[in-house]
């Protein structure tokens, strides 16, 4: 069975992502710089693509967690996940909210994500790997 979880999107991330573009667009457009306007619109579309394409997929058959955000793609073996804990880190990651969880796996690897249905997401991972230590 495959379950997809979209990312929770926080207003703080939207403001950080879009406010500079809106300001730049106003400045460039008021000077009527066509090339600058096109560049800003392309960047705006790219940021929107990243926001809308962030998804976390759990595959029960292969026991894999796939984290995808735009061109960022990471496959994690659920049986290698050690801990899941709450995080408020602002480090750049495929998490679109500061209400994040950190998944530690293998020996030194980790990823920050922000699934919408966090409790259900954690329960599904724990059902596949009951050895996961959850610190929420």
Foldseek 3Di string as FASTA:
>chain_A
DKDKFAADADPVLVCVQPVVLVVQCVVCVVVPDPVSNVVSVVSVVLVVQQNVPFMWMADLVQQWIWTDGRPDIDIDRLQFWAEKEFAQDPPDASHNHSRWIWIDGDDGDIGIYGTPPVVVVVVVSCVSPVNYHYHD
